[in-house]
Amino acid sequence: MNIQWWEVVGLIGVVLVVSSGRIFEPLREWLMGFQKKTNLLRLLGELLSCSMCSGVWIGFLWAFLVKQVSWPVALIFGGCISIASLVSDELLGIISLYRVLRAKKSQGAMTMDEMVAARQQAVALKKQRQADKMSHERARRRGTPKELSEDEADAYADAQEVAVDKLIMGEPDEAA
């Protein structure tokens, strides 16, 4: 298998764009908006949100389809891309944390514990905003009527999700 270094670096870049990039963020959020853990679309969203998971399949597809190697060799190559993508993702996270801590420290004398606590608070706030946004998008996507109470809207949305899951899984509708 004749793989060049720039192909490996490019594949790592593709994996990071798919799993962490802003351009794929709406797709990942939409797919993760499905509540059932067994929903195939939610599983696809989890796959796209993980640099290791995406790395295996992007590396596998590249080696198998473009380089035309056997599937066992392609799978091993996908595993290597997966590990390299995880390491790159973690290194970029460490660099980002260092930049945040340095910026906070330049704003005033903070201890390391205060900086870590500030970073954790910022991450928690970001997760809460994303959860709120996903909840709002889930209700909007399902077309939940606005005149319903919050509990009624949740029940309505849950019923719609169950119906969609049954449709995707090919299960017969009990009402029919």
N, C-alpha and C. Protein backbone atom coordinates (compact mmCIF):
# COMPACT_ATOMS: atom_id res chain seq x y z
N MET A 1 0.86 -1.18 0.00
CA MET A 1 0.00 0.00 0.00
C MET A 1 0.90 1.23 0.00
N ASN A 2 0.70 2.06 -0.97
CA ASN A 2 1.55 3.25 -1.13
C ASN A 2 0.78 4.48 -0.65
N ILE A 3 0.92 4.79 0.63
CA ILE A 3 0.26 5.94 1.23
C ILE A 3 1.32 7.01 1.50
N GLN A 4 1.04 8.22 1.09
CA GLN A 4 1.96 9.34 1.31
C GLN A 4 1.64 10.02 2.64
N TRP A 5 2.60 10.72 3.20
CA TRP A 5 2.40 11.40 4.49
C TRP A 5 1.33 12.45 4.38
N TRP A 6 1.25 13.12 3.24
CA TRP A 6 0.26 14.19 3.09
C TRP A 6 -1.16 13.63 3.04
N GLU A 7 -1.30 12.37 2.60
CA GLU A 7 -2.62 11.76 2.62
C GLU A 7 -3.07 11.51 4.06
N VAL A 8 -2.15 11.05 4.88
CA VAL A 8 -2.46 10.80 6.29
C VAL A 8 -2.84 12.11 6.98
N VAL A 9 -2.05 13.14 6.77
CA VAL A 9 -2.35 14.45 7.37
C VAL A 9 -3.69 14.97 6.86
N GLY A 10 -3.95 14.80 5.57
CA GLY A 10 -5.23 15.23 5.00
C GLY A 10 -6.40 14.47 5.58
N LEU A 11 -6.24 13.17 5.76
CA LEU A 11 -7.32 12.36 6.35
C LEU A 11 -7.58 12.77 7.79
N ILE A 12 -6.51 13.05 8.54
CA ILE A 12 -6.69 13.53 9.92
C ILE A 12 -7.46 14.85 9.90
N GLY A 13 -7.11 15.73 8.96
CA GLY A 13 -7.83 17.00 8.84
C GLY A 13 -9.29 16.80 8.52
N VAL A 14 -9.59 15.88 7.61
CA VAL A 14 -10.98 15.59 7.25
C VAL A 14 -11.73 15.07 8.47
N VAL A 15 -11.10 14.17 9.22
CA VAL A 15 -11.74 13.62 10.42
C VAL A 15 -12.04 14.73 11.42
N LEU A 16 -11.09 15.63 11.65
CA LEU A 16 -11.30 16.71 12.61
C LEU A 16 -12.38 17.68 12.15
N VAL A 17 -12.45 17.93 10.85
CA VAL A 17 -13.51 18.80 10.33
C VAL A 17 -14.87 18.14 10.52
N VAL A 18 -14.97 16.85 10.23
CA VAL A 18 -16.24 16.14 10.37
C VAL A 18 -16.66 16.05 11.83
N SER A 19 -15.71 15.73 12.72
CA SER A 19 -16.07 15.47 14.12
C SER A 19 -16.12 16.73 14.99
N SER A 20 -15.41 17.79 14.61
CA SER A 20 -15.35 18.97 15.47
C SER A 20 -15.62 20.28 14.75
N GLY A 21 -15.61 20.27 13.44
CA GLY A 21 -15.73 21.50 12.68
C GLY A 21 -17.10 22.14 12.77
N ARG A 22 -17.12 23.44 12.64
CA ARG A 22 -18.39 24.19 12.71
C ARG A 22 -19.27 23.91 11.50
N ILE A 23 -18.68 23.58 10.38
CA ILE A 23 -19.47 23.38 9.18
C ILE A 23 -20.39 22.16 9.31
N PHE A 24 -19.97 21.14 10.06
CA PHE A 24 -20.80 19.95 10.26
C PHE A 24 -21.57 19.99 11.57
N GLU A 25 -21.41 21.06 12.35
CA GLU A 25 -22.09 21.16 13.64
C GLU A 25 -23.61 21.06 13.53
N PRO A 26 -24.26 21.77 12.59
CA PRO A 26 -25.72 21.64 12.50
C PRO A 26 -26.16 20.20 12.20
N LEU A 27 -25.44 19.51 11.35
CA LEU A 27 -25.79 18.13 11.03
C LEU A 27 -25.62 17.24 12.26
N ARG A 28 -24.49 17.39 12.97
CA ARG A 28 -24.26 16.58 14.17
C ARG A 28 -25.34 16.85 15.22
N GLU A 29 -25.69 18.11 15.43
CA GLU A 29 -26.71 18.47 16.41
C GLU A 29 -28.08 17.91 16.02
N TRP A 30 -28.39 18.00 14.73
CA TRP A 30 -29.68 17.48 14.28
C TRP A 30 -29.76 15.98 14.50
N LEU A 31 -28.68 15.27 14.15
CA LEU A 31 -28.67 13.83 14.32
C LEU A 31 -28.69 13.44 15.80
N MET A 32 -28.01 14.19 16.64
CA MET A 32 -27.98 13.90 18.07
C MET A 32 -29.28 14.31 18.75
N GLY A 33 -30.15 15.02 18.05
CA GLY A 33 -31.41 15.48 18.62
C GLY A 33 -32.42 14.36 18.82
N PHE A 34 -32.19 13.21 18.22
CA PHE A 34 -33.11 12.09 18.42
C PHE A 34 -32.87 11.51 19.80
N GLN A 35 -33.94 11.29 20.57
CA GLN A 35 -33.81 10.92 21.97
C GLN A 35 -33.45 9.46 22.17
N LYS A 36 -33.99 8.57 21.35
CA LYS A 36 -33.73 7.15 21.55
C LYS A 36 -32.29 6.82 21.18
N LYS A 37 -31.60 6.17 22.10
CA LYS A 37 -30.19 5.80 21.87
C LYS A 37 -30.04 4.79 20.74
N THR A 38 -31.10 4.01 20.47
CA THR A 38 -31.02 2.98 19.43
C THR A 38 -31.39 3.48 18.05
N ASN A 39 -31.79 4.73 17.95
CA ASN A 39 -32.17 5.30 16.66
C ASN A 39 -30.94 5.34 15.76
N LEU A 40 -31.06 4.84 14.53
CA LEU A 40 -29.93 4.78 13.62
C LEU A 40 -29.36 6.17 13.30
N LEU A 41 -30.23 7.16 13.20
CA LEU A 41 -29.75 8.51 12.92
C LEU A 41 -28.97 9.08 14.10
N ARG A 42 -29.42 8.80 15.32
CA ARG A 42 -28.66 9.24 16.50
C ARG A 42 -27.30 8.54 16.55
N LEU A 43 -27.27 7.24 16.22
CA LEU A 43 -26.00 6.52 16.19
C LEU A 43 -25.05 7.13 15.16
N LEU A 44 -25.59 7.55 14.03
CA LEU A 44 -24.78 8.23 13.02
C LEU A 44 -24.25 9.56 13.56
N GLY A 45 -25.10 10.28 14.31
CA GLY A 45 -24.65 11.53 14.93
C GLY A 45 -23.54 11.31 15.94
N GLU A 46 -23.64 10.23 16.72
CA GLU A 46 -22.57 9.91 17.67
C GLU A 46 -21.30 9.54 16.93
N LEU A 47 -21.43 8.81 15.82
CA LEU A 47 -20.27 8.44 15.03
C LEU A 47 -19.58 9.68 14.47
N LEU A 48 -20.37 10.64 14.00
CA LEU A 48 -19.80 11.86 13.42
C LEU A 48 -19.22 12.79 14.49
N SER A 49 -19.61 12.62 15.74
CA SER A 49 -19.14 13.49 16.81
C SER A 49 -17.85 12.98 17.45
N CYS A 50 -17.42 11.81 17.09
CA CYS A 50 -16.26 11.16 17.72
C CYS A 50 -15.12 11.09 16.70
N SER A 51 -13.96 11.66 17.06
CA SER A 51 -12.84 11.64 16.11
C SER A 51 -12.31 10.23 15.90
N MET A 52 -12.37 9.39 16.93
CA MET A 52 -11.90 8.00 16.75
C MET A 52 -12.84 7.23 15.83
N CYS A 53 -14.15 7.37 16.07
CA CYS A 53 -15.13 6.63 15.26
C CYS A 53 -15.08 7.07 13.80
N SER A 54 -15.08 8.38 13.60
CA SER A 54 -15.02 8.90 12.24
C SER A 54 -13.70 8.51 11.57
N GLY A 55 -12.62 8.52 12.34
CA GLY A 55 -11.30 8.19 11.79
C GLY A 55 -11.23 6.79 11.23
N VAL A 56 -11.83 5.84 11.96
CA VAL A 56 -11.81 4.46 11.48
C VAL A 56 -12.47 4.37 10.11
N TRP A 57 -13.66 4.96 9.99
CA TRP A 57 -14.41 4.79 8.75
C TRP A 57 -13.88 5.64 7.61
N ILE A 58 -13.41 6.83 7.91
CA ILE A 58 -12.83 7.66 6.84
C ILE A 58 -11.54 7.02 6.34
N GLY A 59 -10.70 6.55 7.26
CA GLY A 59 -9.46 5.87 6.85
C GLY A 59 -9.75 4.58 6.10
N PHE A 60 -10.73 3.81 6.58
CA PHE A 60 -11.10 2.56 5.91
C PHE A 60 -11.58 2.84 4.49
N LEU A 61 -12.51 3.80 4.34
CA LEU A 61 -13.05 4.10 3.01
C LEU A 61 -11.97 4.61 2.06
N TRP A 62 -11.05 5.43 2.58
CA TRP A 62 -9.96 5.94 1.74
C TRP A 62 -9.09 4.79 1.24
N ALA A 63 -8.68 3.93 2.15
CA ALA A 63 -7.79 2.83 1.76
C ALA A 63 -8.50 1.82 0.86
N PHE A 64 -9.75 1.52 1.18
CA PHE A 64 -10.48 0.49 0.44
C PHE A 64 -10.93 0.99 -0.94
N LEU A 65 -11.49 2.22 -0.98
CA LEU A 65 -12.05 2.70 -2.24
C LEU A 65 -11.03 3.41 -3.12
N VAL A 66 -10.17 4.22 -2.51
CA VAL A 66 -9.22 5.01 -3.32
C VAL A 66 -7.94 4.23 -3.59
N LYS A 67 -7.37 3.65 -2.53
CA LYS A 67 -6.11 2.91 -2.69
C LYS A 67 -6.33 1.46 -3.11
N GLN A 68 -7.58 1.00 -3.03
CA GLN A 68 -8.00 -0.32 -3.48
C GLN A 68 -7.15 -1.45 -2.87
N VAL A 69 -7.07 -1.43 -1.54
CA VAL A 69 -6.40 -2.51 -0.83
C VAL A 69 -7.49 -3.44 -0.27
N SER A 70 -7.09 -4.59 0.21
CA SER A 70 -8.06 -5.53 0.77
C SER A 70 -8.70 -4.93 2.02
N TRP A 71 -9.89 -5.41 2.36
CA TRP A 71 -10.62 -4.80 3.47
C TRP A 71 -9.91 -4.99 4.82
N PRO A 72 -9.21 -6.10 5.08
CA PRO A 72 -8.51 -6.17 6.38
C PRO A 72 -7.40 -5.12 6.50
N VAL A 73 -6.66 -4.92 5.41
CA VAL A 73 -5.60 -3.90 5.42
C VAL A 73 -6.22 -2.51 5.55
N ALA A 74 -7.33 -2.29 4.85
CA ALA A 74 -8.02 -1.00 4.93
C ALA A 74 -8.53 -0.74 6.34
N LEU A 75 -9.01 -1.77 7.02
CA LEU A 75 -9.49 -1.62 8.39
C LEU A 75 -8.34 -1.28 9.34
N ILE A 76 -7.20 -1.89 9.15
CA ILE A 76 -6.02 -1.56 9.97
C ILE A 76 -5.60 -0.11 9.72
N PHE A 77 -5.61 0.29 8.45
CA PHE A 77 -5.27 1.68 8.13
C PHE A 77 -6.27 2.64 8.77
N GLY A 78 -7.56 2.26 8.75
CA GLY A 78 -8.58 3.08 9.40
C GLY A 78 -8.31 3.21 10.89
N GLY A 79 -7.87 2.12 11.52
CA GLY A 79 -7.52 2.17 12.94
C GLY A 79 -6.36 3.11 13.21
N CYS A 80 -5.38 3.09 12.33
CA CYS A 80 -4.23 4.01 12.48
C CYS A 80 -4.68 5.46 12.33
N ILE A 81 -5.53 5.73 11.36
CA ILE A 81 -6.05 7.09 11.18
C ILE A 81 -6.88 7.48 12.40
N SER A 82 -7.62 6.54 12.96
CA SER A 82 -8.43 6.80 14.14
C SER A 82 -7.57 7.24 15.32
N ILE A 83 -6.50 6.50 15.57
CA ILE A 83 -5.60 6.83 16.69
C ILE A 83 -4.92 8.17 16.45
N ALA A 84 -4.45 8.39 15.22
CA ALA A 84 -3.80 9.65 14.90
C ALA A 84 -4.77 10.82 15.04
N SER A 85 -6.03 10.62 14.68
CA SER A 85 -7.04 11.66 14.80
C SER A 85 -7.33 11.97 16.26
N LEU A 86 -7.41 10.93 17.09
CA LEU A 86 -7.64 11.14 18.52
C LEU A 86 -6.50 11.93 19.14
N VAL A 87 -5.27 11.55 18.83
CA VAL A 87 -4.11 12.26 19.37
C VAL A 87 -4.12 13.72 18.92
N SER A 88 -4.40 13.95 17.65
CA SER A 88 -4.45 15.33 17.13
C SER A 88 -5.56 16.13 17.81
N ASP A 89 -6.72 15.51 17.98
CA ASP A 89 -7.86 16.17 18.62
C ASP A 89 -7.51 16.55 20.06
N GLU A 90 -6.89 15.63 20.78
CA GLU A 90 -6.52 15.91 22.18
C GLU A 90 -5.44 16.99 22.26
N LEU A 91 -4.47 16.95 21.37
CA LEU A 91 -3.43 17.98 21.37
C LEU A 91 -4.01 19.36 21.09
N LEU A 92 -4.92 19.41 20.14
CA LEU A 92 -5.57 20.69 19.85
C LEU A 92 -6.40 21.17 21.04
N GLY A 93 -7.03 20.25 21.77
CA GLY A 93 -7.77 20.61 22.98
C GLY A 93 -6.85 21.16 24.06
N ILE A 94 -5.69 20.55 24.23
CA ILE A 94 -4.72 21.03 25.22
C ILE A 94 -4.22 22.42 24.84
N ILE A 95 -3.93 22.61 23.57
CA ILE A 95 -3.47 23.93 23.11
C ILE A 95 -4.56 24.97 23.34
N SER A 96 -5.81 24.61 23.04
CA SER A 96 -6.92 25.52 23.26
C SER A 96 -7.07 25.87 24.73
N LEU A 97 -6.97 24.87 25.60
CA LEU A 97 -7.06 25.12 27.04
C LEU A 97 -5.92 26.03 27.50
N TYR A 98 -4.73 25.79 27.00
CA TYR A 98 -3.59 26.65 27.35
C TYR A 98 -3.85 28.09 26.94
N ARG A 99 -4.39 28.29 25.75
CA ARG A 99 -4.68 29.65 25.29
C ARG A 99 -5.73 30.32 26.17
N VAL A 100 -6.77 29.56 26.57
CA VAL A 100 -7.81 30.11 27.44
C VAL A 100 -7.21 30.48 28.79
N LEU A 101 -6.40 29.58 29.34
CA LEU A 101 -5.79 29.86 30.65
C LEU A 101 -4.86 31.06 30.57
N ARG A 102 -4.10 31.16 29.50
CA ARG A 102 -3.20 32.30 29.34
C ARG A 102 -3.98 33.61 29.21
N ALA A 103 -5.08 33.58 28.48
CA ALA A 103 -5.91 34.78 28.33
C ALA A 103 -6.52 35.17 29.67
N LYS A 104 -7.00 34.19 30.43
CA LYS A 104 -7.58 34.47 31.75
C LYS A 104 -6.53 35.04 32.70
N LYS A 105 -5.33 34.48 32.62
CA LYS A 105 -4.26 34.94 33.52
C LYS A 105 -3.87 36.37 33.19
N SER A 106 -3.88 36.73 31.91
CA SER A 106 -3.51 38.09 31.53
C SER A 106 -4.58 39.11 31.95
N GLN A 107 -5.81 38.63 32.21
CA GLN A 107 -6.88 39.52 32.66
C GLN A 107 -6.75 39.84 34.14
N GLY A 108 -6.03 39.07 34.85
CA GLY A 108 -5.85 39.28 36.28
C GLY A 108 -5.15 38.09 36.88
N ALA A 109 -4.60 38.27 38.05
CA ALA A 109 -3.86 37.18 38.68
C ALA A 109 -4.85 36.12 39.18
N MET A 110 -4.87 34.98 38.51
CA MET A 110 -5.72 33.88 38.91
C MET A 110 -4.84 32.69 39.26
N THR A 111 -5.29 31.92 40.22
CA THR A 111 -4.57 30.70 40.53
C THR A 111 -4.93 29.65 39.48
N MET A 112 -4.16 28.60 39.45
CA MET A 112 -4.43 27.53 38.49
C MET A 112 -5.80 26.90 38.75
N ASP A 113 -6.16 26.73 40.02
CA ASP A 113 -7.46 26.17 40.36
C ASP A 113 -8.60 27.07 39.86
N GLU A 114 -8.43 28.39 40.01
CA GLU A 114 -9.45 29.33 39.53
C GLU A 114 -9.58 29.27 38.00
N MET A 115 -8.44 29.11 37.32
CA MET A 115 -8.48 29.03 35.86
C MET A 115 -9.17 27.74 35.40
N VAL A 116 -8.86 26.63 36.05
CA VAL A 116 -9.50 25.37 35.69
C VAL A 116 -10.99 25.44 35.98
N ALA A 117 -11.36 26.03 37.13
CA ALA A 117 -12.78 26.16 37.48
C ALA A 117 -13.49 27.06 36.46
N ALA A 118 -12.84 28.13 36.02
CA ALA A 118 -13.44 29.02 35.03
C ALA A 118 -13.64 28.28 33.70
N ARG A 119 -12.67 27.45 33.33
CA ARG A 119 -12.79 26.68 32.09
C ARG A 119 -13.93 25.66 32.21
N GLN A 120 -14.03 24.98 33.34
CA GLN A 120 -15.10 24.01 33.54
C GLN A 120 -16.46 24.69 33.52
N GLN A 121 -16.54 25.88 34.11
CA GLN A 121 -17.79 26.62 34.11
C GLN A 121 -18.17 27.03 32.68
N ALA A 122 -17.18 27.46 31.90
CA ALA A 122 -17.45 27.85 30.52
C ALA A 122 -17.91 26.65 29.69
N VAL A 123 -17.28 25.50 29.91
CA VAL A 123 -17.67 24.28 29.18
C VAL A 123 -19.09 23.86 29.57
N ALA A 124 -19.40 23.92 30.88
CA ALA A 124 -20.75 23.55 31.34
C ALA A 124 -21.80 24.49 30.77
N LEU A 125 -21.50 25.78 30.73
CA LEU A 125 -22.43 26.76 30.16
C LEU A 125 -22.64 26.49 28.67
N LYS A 126 -21.57 26.17 27.96
CA LYS A 126 -21.68 25.88 26.53
C LYS A 126 -22.52 24.63 26.30
N LYS A 127 -22.32 23.58 27.12
CA LYS A 127 -23.11 22.36 26.99
C LYS A 127 -24.58 22.63 27.27
N GLN A 128 -24.87 23.46 28.28
CA GLN A 128 -26.26 23.78 28.60
C GLN A 128 -26.91 24.55 27.45
N ARG A 129 -26.18 25.49 26.86
CA ARG A 129 -26.71 26.24 25.72
C ARG A 129 -26.98 25.31 24.54
N GLN A 130 -26.06 24.35 24.30
CA GLN A 130 -26.26 23.40 23.21
C GLN A 130 -27.46 22.50 23.48
N ALA A 131 -27.63 22.07 24.73
CA ALA A 131 -28.78 21.23 25.08
C ALA A 131 -30.08 22.01 24.89
N ASP A 132 -30.10 23.27 25.31
CA ASP A 132 -31.29 24.10 25.11
C ASP A 132 -31.59 24.28 23.63
N LYS A 133 -30.53 24.53 22.87
CA LYS A 133 -30.70 24.73 21.43
C LYS A 133 -31.20 23.45 20.76
N MET A 134 -30.65 22.30 21.16
CA MET A 134 -31.09 21.03 20.60
C MET A 134 -32.54 20.75 20.94
N SER A 135 -32.95 21.06 22.18
CA SER A 135 -34.33 20.86 22.60
C SER A 135 -35.26 21.73 21.77
N HIS A 136 -34.87 22.99 21.58
CA HIS A 136 -35.67 23.90 20.76
C HIS A 136 -35.74 23.42 19.31
N GLU A 137 -34.60 22.98 18.78
CA GLU A 137 -34.57 22.50 17.39
C GLU A 137 -35.39 21.24 17.23
N ARG A 138 -35.36 20.36 18.24
CA ARG A 138 -36.13 19.12 18.19
C ARG A 138 -37.62 19.45 18.10
N ALA A 139 -38.06 20.39 18.93
CA ALA A 139 -39.47 20.78 18.92
C ALA A 139 -39.82 21.46 17.59
N ARG A 140 -38.94 22.31 17.07
CA ARG A 140 -39.20 22.99 15.81
C ARG A 140 -39.22 21.99 14.66
N ARG A 141 -38.28 21.06 14.68
CA ARG A 141 -38.18 20.08 13.60
C ARG A 141 -39.43 19.20 13.54
N ARG A 142 -39.97 18.89 14.67
CA ARG A 142 -41.15 18.03 14.71
C ARG A 142 -42.43 18.79 14.45
N GLY A 143 -42.37 20.10 14.40
CA GLY A 143 -43.57 20.88 14.14
C GLY A 143 -44.54 20.86 15.31
N THR A 144 -44.02 20.89 16.52
CA THR A 144 -44.88 20.86 17.70
C THR A 144 -45.72 22.14 17.73
N PRO A 145 -47.04 21.99 17.88
CA PRO A 145 -47.88 23.20 17.93
C PRO A 145 -47.51 24.09 19.11
N LYS A 146 -47.53 25.40 18.89
CA LYS A 146 -47.09 26.35 19.92
C LYS A 146 -48.11 26.53 21.04
N GLU A 147 -49.38 26.20 20.80
CA GLU A 147 -50.40 26.44 21.82
C GLU A 147 -50.42 25.35 22.89
N LEU A 148 -49.60 24.33 22.77
CA LEU A 148 -49.55 23.28 23.78
C LEU A 148 -48.68 23.70 24.97
N SER A 149 -48.99 23.13 26.13
CA SER A 149 -48.12 23.35 27.29
C SER A 149 -46.82 22.60 27.05
N GLU A 150 -45.83 22.85 27.89
CA GLU A 150 -44.53 22.21 27.72
C GLU A 150 -44.64 20.68 27.85
N ASP A 151 -45.42 20.21 28.84
CA ASP A 151 -45.59 18.76 29.01
C ASP A 151 -46.32 18.14 27.83
N GLU A 152 -47.35 18.83 27.34
CA GLU A 152 -48.09 18.32 26.19
C GLU A 152 -47.20 18.30 24.94
N ALA A 153 -46.38 19.34 24.79
CA ALA A 153 -45.47 19.41 23.65
C ALA A 153 -44.43 18.29 23.71
N ASP A 154 -43.93 17.99 24.93
CA ASP A 154 -42.98 16.89 25.07
C ASP A 154 -43.63 15.56 24.71
N ALA A 155 -44.86 15.34 25.18
CA ALA A 155 -45.57 14.09 24.87
C ALA A 155 -45.84 13.99 23.36
N TYR A 156 -46.22 15.10 22.75
CA TYR A 156 -46.47 15.14 21.31
C TYR A 156 -45.18 14.81 20.55
N ALA A 157 -44.07 15.42 20.95
CA ALA A 157 -42.79 15.19 20.29
C ALA A 157 -42.33 13.75 20.48
N ASP A 158 -42.53 13.21 21.69
CA ASP A 158 -42.14 11.82 21.94
C ASP A 158 -42.95 10.86 21.06
N ALA A 159 -44.23 11.13 20.92
CA ALA A 159 -45.07 10.27 20.09
C ALA A 159 -44.62 10.32 18.63
N GLN A 160 -44.26 11.51 18.17
CA GLN A 160 -43.77 11.64 16.80
C GLN A 160 -42.46 10.90 16.62
N GLU A 161 -41.58 10.99 17.61
CA GLU A 161 -40.29 10.32 17.51
C GLU A 161 -40.46 8.80 17.48
N VAL A 162 -41.37 8.27 18.29
CA VAL A 162 -41.64 6.83 18.29
C VAL A 162 -42.15 6.41 16.91
N ALA A 163 -43.04 7.23 16.33
CA ALA A 163 -43.57 6.90 15.00
C ALA A 163 -42.46 6.92 13.95
N VAL A 164 -41.56 7.89 14.02
CA VAL A 164 -40.45 7.97 13.07
C VAL A 164 -39.51 6.79 13.26
N ASP A 165 -39.22 6.45 14.52
CA ASP A 165 -38.35 5.30 14.78
C ASP A 165 -38.95 4.02 14.21
N LYS A 166 -40.24 3.84 14.38
CA LYS A 166 -40.90 2.65 13.83
C LYS A 166 -40.83 2.65 12.31
N LEU A 167 -40.99 3.82 11.71
CA LEU A 167 -40.93 3.92 10.26
C LEU A 167 -39.53 3.58 9.77
N ILE A 168 -38.52 4.09 10.44
CA ILE A 168 -37.13 3.84 10.03
C ILE A 168 -36.77 2.37 10.23
N MET A 169 -37.20 1.79 11.35
CA MET A 169 -36.88 0.40 11.64
C MET A 169 -37.76 -0.58 10.88
N GLY A 170 -38.80 -0.08 10.22
CA GLY A 170 -39.68 -0.94 9.44
C GLY A 170 -40.68 -1.72 10.28
N GLU A 171 -40.98 -1.24 11.48
CA GLU A 171 -41.92 -1.92 12.34
C GLU A 171 -43.34 -1.54 11.93
N PRO A 172 -44.28 -2.47 12.00
CA PRO A 172 -45.67 -2.15 11.62
C PRO A 172 -46.30 -1.23 12.65
N ASP A 173 -47.19 -0.38 12.18
CA ASP A 173 -47.90 0.55 13.05
C ASP A 173 -49.06 -0.20 13.72
N GLU A 174 -49.17 -0.12 15.07
CA GLU A 174 -50.24 -0.83 15.79
C GLU A 174 -51.61 -0.26 15.46
N ALA A 175 -51.70 1.03 15.14
CA ALA A 175 -52.97 1.67 14.87
C ALA A 175 -53.59 1.16 13.57
N ALA A 176 -52.75 0.67 12.67
CA ALA A 176 -53.26 0.23 11.36
C ALA A 176 -53.88 -1.13 11.42
